[in-house]
Amino acid sequence: MTLNTEQIVVIATATAKPGKEAELERALREVAAPTRAQRGCLQFELYRSAQNPATIIAFERWSSEEDHPRHMQGEHVKTLVKRFDGILAAPPDIVPMKPLSDK
C-alpha cells in the first residue's frame, strides 16, 4: 500500500464532565454526517475510550492539510464548540498528523 503523504490524519479527544457523557456523545454524533459530507473528508469515525468511558476520540482523515482548517470553520463545528462549554471537563485535544513516506 502506498501512502498519500498529502493526506492528514487528525485525532481529536474530548472528555465529558461527570454526568455529561451522553450529551457529549449526542453532540459529536450530530456533527458526524455534516463532517463526512465536507470536501476533503476521507474518513470520520468516533470511538469511546475503553479505559475512560467519558472520553470520545474522533479519528479523521483528510485529503490535504488545507481541508481540516476549512472543516473547523464550518457552522456545524462552530455550534459544537459552543456546546462543548457546558459538556467538556477540559478543552479538546486536537492532534494533526502527517503520514511518513516509505522512503
N, C-alpha and C. Protein backbone atom coordinates (compact mmCIF):
# COMPACT_ATOMS: atom_id res chain seq x y z
N MET A 1 0.84 -1.17 0.00
CA MET A 1 0.00 0.00 0.00
C MET A 1 0.89 1.24 0.00
N THR A 2 0.62 2.16 -0.90
CA THR A 2 1.38 3.39 -0.98
C THR A 2 0.65 4.49 -0.22
N LEU A 3 1.37 5.17 0.65
CA LEU A 3 0.78 6.26 1.43
C LEU A 3 0.71 7.52 0.60
N ASN A 4 -0.38 8.25 0.74
CA ASN A 4 -0.51 9.56 0.13
C ASN A 4 -0.04 10.57 1.18
N THR A 5 1.16 11.11 1.00
CA THR A 5 1.74 12.00 2.01
C THR A 5 1.10 13.39 2.00
N GLU A 6 0.17 13.64 1.09
CA GLU A 6 -0.58 14.90 1.10
C GLU A 6 -1.71 14.83 2.12
N GLN A 7 -2.13 13.63 2.48
CA GLN A 7 -3.23 13.47 3.42
C GLN A 7 -2.80 13.86 4.83
N ILE A 8 -3.80 14.10 5.66
CA ILE A 8 -3.56 14.39 7.06
C ILE A 8 -4.55 13.58 7.89
N VAL A 9 -4.08 13.08 9.00
CA VAL A 9 -4.93 12.38 9.96
C VAL A 9 -5.02 13.27 11.19
N VAL A 10 -6.22 13.36 11.75
CA VAL A 10 -6.42 14.16 12.96
C VAL A 10 -7.05 13.25 14.01
N ILE A 11 -6.47 13.27 15.20
CA ILE A 11 -7.03 12.57 16.35
C ILE A 11 -7.51 13.66 17.31
N ALA A 12 -8.82 13.71 17.52
CA ALA A 12 -9.40 14.72 18.42
C ALA A 12 -10.01 13.99 19.62
N THR A 13 -9.58 14.37 20.81
CA THR A 13 -10.02 13.72 22.03
C THR A 13 -10.81 14.69 22.88
N ALA A 14 -11.99 14.25 23.32
CA ALA A 14 -12.84 15.08 24.17
C ALA A 14 -13.29 14.25 25.36
N THR A 15 -13.21 14.82 26.56
CA THR A 15 -13.64 14.14 27.78
C THR A 15 -14.76 14.93 28.43
N ALA A 16 -15.85 14.24 28.70
CA ALA A 16 -17.04 14.87 29.28
C ALA A 16 -16.88 15.08 30.79
N LYS A 17 -17.56 16.11 31.28
CA LYS A 17 -17.71 16.28 32.72
C LYS A 17 -18.54 15.12 33.25
N PRO A 18 -18.39 14.79 34.53
CA PRO A 18 -19.22 13.72 35.10
C PRO A 18 -20.71 14.01 34.86
N GLY A 19 -21.41 12.99 34.39
CA GLY A 19 -22.83 13.12 34.12
C GLY A 19 -23.17 13.68 32.76
N LYS A 20 -22.15 14.10 31.99
CA LYS A 20 -22.37 14.71 30.67
C LYS A 20 -21.94 13.79 29.52
N GLU A 21 -21.66 12.53 29.82
CA GLU A 21 -21.16 11.60 28.81
C GLU A 21 -22.13 11.43 27.64
N ALA A 22 -23.41 11.24 27.94
CA ALA A 22 -24.41 11.04 26.88
C ALA A 22 -24.58 12.31 26.05
N GLU A 23 -24.49 13.46 26.69
CA GLU A 23 -24.61 14.72 25.96
C GLU A 23 -23.43 14.92 25.00
N LEU A 24 -22.23 14.55 25.44
CA LEU A 24 -21.06 14.65 24.57
C LEU A 24 -21.23 13.71 23.37
N GLU A 25 -21.64 12.49 23.62
CA GLU A 25 -21.83 11.54 22.52
C GLU A 25 -22.86 12.07 21.52
N ARG A 26 -23.96 12.58 22.02
CA ARG A 26 -25.01 13.12 21.14
C ARG A 26 -24.49 14.28 20.30
N ALA A 27 -23.76 15.19 20.93
CA ALA A 27 -23.21 16.36 20.22
C ALA A 27 -22.25 15.93 19.12
N LEU A 28 -21.39 14.96 19.40
CA LEU A 28 -20.42 14.50 18.40
C LEU A 28 -21.10 13.71 17.28
N ARG A 29 -22.10 12.92 17.61
CA ARG A 29 -22.83 12.18 16.57
C ARG A 29 -23.53 13.15 15.60
N GLU A 30 -24.00 14.28 16.14
CA GLU A 30 -24.71 15.25 15.30
C GLU A 30 -23.80 15.91 14.27
N VAL A 31 -22.51 16.00 14.53
CA VAL A 31 -21.59 16.61 13.56
C VAL A 31 -20.97 15.59 12.61
N ALA A 32 -21.19 14.31 12.86
CA ALA A 32 -20.55 13.27 12.04
C ALA A 32 -20.97 13.36 10.57
N ALA A 33 -22.26 13.38 10.29
CA ALA A 33 -22.73 13.40 8.91
C ALA A 33 -22.31 14.67 8.17
N PRO A 34 -22.49 15.87 8.76
CA PRO A 34 -22.03 17.06 8.04
C PRO A 34 -20.51 17.07 7.82
N THR A 35 -19.77 16.50 8.75
CA THR A 35 -18.31 16.43 8.58
C THR A 35 -17.96 15.50 7.43
N ARG A 36 -18.58 14.33 7.39
CA ARG A 36 -18.31 13.38 6.31
C ARG A 36 -18.65 13.93 4.94
N ALA A 37 -19.61 14.86 4.90
CA ALA A 37 -20.05 15.45 3.63
C ALA A 37 -19.12 16.58 3.16
N GLN A 38 -18.22 17.03 4.01
CA GLN A 38 -17.34 18.14 3.64
C GLN A 38 -16.31 17.73 2.61
N ARG A 39 -15.97 18.69 1.75
CA ARG A 39 -14.93 18.46 0.76
C ARG A 39 -13.62 18.08 1.45
N GLY A 40 -13.02 17.02 0.98
CA GLY A 40 -11.73 16.60 1.51
C GLY A 40 -11.80 15.59 2.63
N CYS A 41 -12.99 15.36 3.19
CA CYS A 41 -13.11 14.37 4.27
C CYS A 41 -13.10 12.98 3.68
N LEU A 42 -12.11 12.19 4.05
CA LEU A 42 -12.00 10.81 3.58
C LEU A 42 -12.54 9.83 4.60
N GLN A 43 -12.49 10.22 5.88
CA GLN A 43 -12.96 9.33 6.94
C GLN A 43 -13.21 10.15 8.19
N PHE A 44 -14.29 9.83 8.91
CA PHE A 44 -14.59 10.44 10.20
C PHE A 44 -15.29 9.38 11.03
N GLU A 45 -14.63 8.92 12.09
CA GLU A 45 -15.16 7.86 12.95
C GLU A 45 -15.03 8.28 14.41
N LEU A 46 -16.02 7.88 15.20
CA LEU A 46 -15.99 8.17 16.64
C LEU A 46 -15.75 6.88 17.42
N TYR A 47 -14.92 6.99 18.47
CA TYR A 47 -14.60 5.85 19.32
C TYR A 47 -14.70 6.28 20.77
N ARG A 48 -15.23 5.40 21.62
CA ARG A 48 -15.23 5.65 23.06
C ARG A 48 -14.02 4.94 23.66
N SER A 49 -13.34 5.60 24.55
CA SER A 49 -12.19 5.00 25.22
C SER A 49 -12.64 3.82 26.07
N ALA A 50 -11.96 2.69 25.92
CA ALA A 50 -12.25 1.52 26.75
C ALA A 50 -11.76 1.73 28.18
N GLN A 51 -10.80 2.64 28.38
CA GLN A 51 -10.25 2.91 29.70
C GLN A 51 -11.02 3.99 30.45
N ASN A 52 -11.61 4.94 29.70
CA ASN A 52 -12.35 6.04 30.33
C ASN A 52 -13.59 6.32 29.50
N PRO A 53 -14.74 5.80 29.89
CA PRO A 53 -15.96 5.95 29.10
C PRO A 53 -16.41 7.40 28.90
N ALA A 54 -15.85 8.33 29.65
CA ALA A 54 -16.19 9.74 29.48
C ALA A 54 -15.45 10.36 28.30
N THR A 55 -14.50 9.62 27.73
CA THR A 55 -13.66 10.13 26.64
C THR A 55 -14.09 9.54 25.31
N ILE A 56 -14.29 10.44 24.34
CA ILE A 56 -14.60 10.04 22.97
C ILE A 56 -13.52 10.60 22.06
N ILE A 57 -13.05 9.76 21.16
CA ILE A 57 -12.00 10.13 20.21
C ILE A 57 -12.58 10.15 18.80
N ALA A 58 -12.29 11.21 18.08
CA ALA A 58 -12.66 11.28 16.67
C ALA A 58 -11.41 11.00 15.86
N PHE A 59 -11.52 10.03 14.97
CA PHE A 59 -10.44 9.72 14.03
C PHE A 59 -10.86 10.31 12.70
N GLU A 60 -10.07 11.27 12.20
CA GLU A 60 -10.40 11.98 10.97
C GLU A 60 -9.27 11.80 9.96
N ARG A 61 -9.64 11.60 8.71
CA ARG A 61 -8.65 11.53 7.64
C ARG A 61 -9.10 12.50 6.55
N TRP A 62 -8.18 13.41 6.18
CA TRP A 62 -8.46 14.47 5.21
C TRP A 62 -7.51 14.37 4.04
N SER A 63 -7.97 14.78 2.87
CA SER A 63 -7.15 14.63 1.67
C SER A 63 -5.97 15.59 1.62
N SER A 64 -6.03 16.70 2.38
CA SER A 64 -4.89 17.63 2.41
C SER A 64 -4.88 18.41 3.71
N GLU A 65 -3.76 19.05 3.99
CA GLU A 65 -3.64 19.87 5.20
C GLU A 65 -4.62 21.03 5.21
N GLU A 66 -5.01 21.52 4.05
CA GLU A 66 -5.91 22.66 3.96
C GLU A 66 -7.35 22.28 4.31
N ASP A 67 -7.70 21.02 4.17
CA ASP A 67 -9.09 20.61 4.39
C ASP A 67 -9.51 20.69 5.86
N HIS A 68 -8.63 20.34 6.79
CA HIS A 68 -9.03 20.35 8.19
C HIS A 68 -9.32 21.76 8.72
N PRO A 69 -8.48 22.76 8.48
CA PRO A 69 -8.83 24.11 8.93
C PRO A 69 -10.14 24.61 8.33
N ARG A 70 -10.41 24.24 7.09
CA ARG A 70 -11.68 24.62 6.46
C ARG A 70 -12.84 23.95 7.20
N HIS A 71 -12.65 22.69 7.58
CA HIS A 71 -13.65 21.96 8.37
C HIS A 71 -13.92 22.68 9.68
N MET A 72 -12.89 23.14 10.34
CA MET A 72 -13.03 23.80 11.64
C MET A 72 -13.82 25.11 11.54
N GLN A 73 -13.93 25.68 10.35
CA GLN A 73 -14.69 26.92 10.15
C GLN A 73 -16.16 26.64 9.80
N GLY A 74 -16.54 25.39 9.65
CA GLY A 74 -17.91 25.03 9.31
C GLY A 74 -18.88 25.40 10.41
N GLU A 75 -20.10 25.71 10.03
CA GLU A 75 -21.13 26.11 11.01
C GLU A 75 -21.40 25.00 12.01
N HIS A 76 -21.40 23.74 11.56
CA HIS A 76 -21.66 22.64 12.48
C HIS A 76 -20.56 22.52 13.54
N VAL A 77 -19.32 22.84 13.18
CA VAL A 77 -18.22 22.80 14.15
C VAL A 77 -18.33 23.98 15.12
N LYS A 78 -18.66 25.15 14.60
CA LYS A 78 -18.83 26.32 15.48
C LYS A 78 -19.94 26.07 16.51
N THR A 79 -21.02 25.44 16.08
CA THR A 79 -22.11 25.10 17.01
C THR A 79 -21.63 24.09 18.04
N LEU A 80 -20.85 23.10 17.60
CA LEU A 80 -20.31 22.09 18.51
C LEU A 80 -19.43 22.73 19.57
N VAL A 81 -18.56 23.62 19.16
CA VAL A 81 -17.64 24.28 20.10
C VAL A 81 -18.42 25.04 21.18
N LYS A 82 -19.50 25.69 20.79
CA LYS A 82 -20.35 26.39 21.78
C LYS A 82 -20.96 25.39 22.76
N ARG A 83 -21.41 24.26 22.26
CA ARG A 83 -21.99 23.23 23.13
C ARG A 83 -20.96 22.64 24.08
N PHE A 84 -19.72 22.54 23.64
CA PHE A 84 -18.66 21.98 24.47
C PHE A 84 -18.51 22.72 25.80
N ASP A 85 -18.81 24.00 25.83
CA ASP A 85 -18.59 24.82 27.02
C ASP A 85 -19.19 24.20 28.27
N GLY A 86 -20.38 23.66 28.19
CA GLY A 86 -21.00 23.08 29.37
C GLY A 86 -20.83 21.59 29.50
N ILE A 87 -20.16 20.96 28.53
CA ILE A 87 -20.06 19.50 28.48
C ILE A 87 -18.67 18.98 28.86
N LEU A 88 -17.62 19.65 28.37
CA LEU A 88 -16.27 19.10 28.49
C LEU A 88 -15.61 19.40 29.83
N ALA A 89 -14.84 18.42 30.30
CA ALA A 89 -14.06 18.58 31.53
C ALA A 89 -12.81 19.43 31.29
N ALA A 90 -12.33 19.46 30.05
CA ALA A 90 -11.14 20.23 29.66
C ALA A 90 -11.25 20.51 28.16
N PRO A 91 -10.47 21.46 27.65
CA PRO A 91 -10.52 21.70 26.21
C PRO A 91 -10.17 20.43 25.43
N PRO A 92 -10.75 20.27 24.24
CA PRO A 92 -10.42 19.09 23.44
C PRO A 92 -8.95 19.11 23.02
N ASP A 93 -8.40 17.94 22.85
CA ASP A 93 -7.02 17.80 22.38
C ASP A 93 -7.09 17.39 20.91
N ILE A 94 -6.64 18.27 20.01
CA ILE A 94 -6.71 18.02 18.57
C ILE A 94 -5.30 17.91 18.03
N VAL A 95 -4.95 16.72 17.51
CA VAL A 95 -3.59 16.44 17.07
C VAL A 95 -3.59 16.06 15.59
N PRO A 96 -3.12 16.96 14.69
CA PRO A 96 -2.97 16.60 13.29
C PRO A 96 -1.66 15.85 13.07
N MET A 97 -1.70 14.88 12.17
CA MET A 97 -0.51 14.06 11.89
C MET A 97 -0.37 13.86 10.39
N LYS A 98 0.87 13.87 9.93
CA LYS A 98 1.20 13.61 8.53
C LYS A 98 1.78 12.20 8.43
N PRO A 99 1.37 11.45 7.40
CA PRO A 99 1.95 10.11 7.23
C PRO A 99 3.42 10.19 6.84
N LEU A 100 4.16 9.22 7.28
CA LEU A 100 5.57 9.10 6.91
C LEU A 100 5.65 8.34 5.60
N SER A 101 6.51 8.77 4.75
CA SER A 101 6.74 8.08 3.49
C SER A 101 7.48 6.78 3.75
N ASP A 102 7.29 5.81 2.88
CA ASP A 102 8.03 4.54 2.99
C ASP A 102 9.48 4.71 2.58
N LYS A 103 9.82 5.86 2.03
CA LYS A 103 11.19 6.08 1.52
C LYS A 103 12.05 6.72 2.56
